[in-house]
Amino acid sequence: MLTAEVLRRVYAFFRYELIFEVASAAQLGAAKSRLLYSDSLSEEERALFTTVSCRAHRNDFLYAIASPEEYLKAGVSAVRCIDQVFAQSDNHNQIRTILDFACGYGRVARFLRARFPAADVSVCDIDDAAVDFCTRAFSAKAIASNSMFTGLSMGKRFDLIWCGSLITHIDEGATIRLLKLFYRHLAPGGFCIFTTHGNQAIERMPVFGLGAVEQNQVLSQFRQSGYGYASYPGRIDMGISLVSREKMIAITHAAGPWAETAFIDHGWDNLQDVYGFVSRD
């Protein structure tokens, strides 16, 4: 039997959820309006913005630490990168199936849904709550993940795989496993677009959440081998990485016989390097 205290807590929880949903939608809506009337968007991007969802989740860390404008700009920057990769390829097929891997709470997924409204969009993340939110908010399909990227079967192959800001947080072994996973799940002629921390990120190291010892470890490994990594304090499965372009090319070629179609130096949000590869199968 439900007690009055339990009912009070349930009511308070849903009231808080509703307040956040309304407030965040209003904040993102106002940010959309400001961006729509700014000079930062092309005419095509303005048309895209009108259909982008303003829903947010209270557990979205990226939304919490950014202004609403910054949050939306990161999403439109991802679409710009994707379109730039397409523009540099002679093998641009119709995009019917999309995977947003490490989707979080939809900073980019909302833009993928708007940019490719007819596509079958799947989302994958180790955060089950994030995946659940994206499936409900952006009409996506859920795929379970794990931190080792092993034993995963997506059940389909994709015309476009987007992976933003994941390799930036994992070590070299995990990156190799991840790219092999992507290669196996690319449709013939499909695109895999992912981001890394390169030279542009070196000066940002002090704000990435690592201590001085860990920062030096990343930089030392980066200079010695081209791939530097250190875990966050108290974590063993996630941290910060730096990868040189030469090292990244070697890793991707080891993952499979796909072809590089584009490289955009600090192209995503003026920070992360963007790589575009296409399946030759």
Foldseek 3Di string as FASTA:
>chain_A
DDDPVNVVVVVVVVVVFVVVFVVQLVQLVVLLVVVLPDPPDDPVVNVLSVQQHSGFGPPQPVPVVDRSNLLQLLQVLLVVLVVVLLVLDPLDDDFAEEEEEQCFQNSNPSSVCSVNVNHAYEYEHCDPVSRVNCCVRRVHHYAYADLQLPPGDPPAAGQEYEYEPDQQKAFPNSVLSVLLSNLVRHDAFHKYKYWYFEPLCLVVLVVQQADPVQNVQQVVCCVVPQKGWDDHVPDDRTGGIYGYPVRVVVSNVVSDPWAWRDWDVCSRSSGIIMTMTTHND
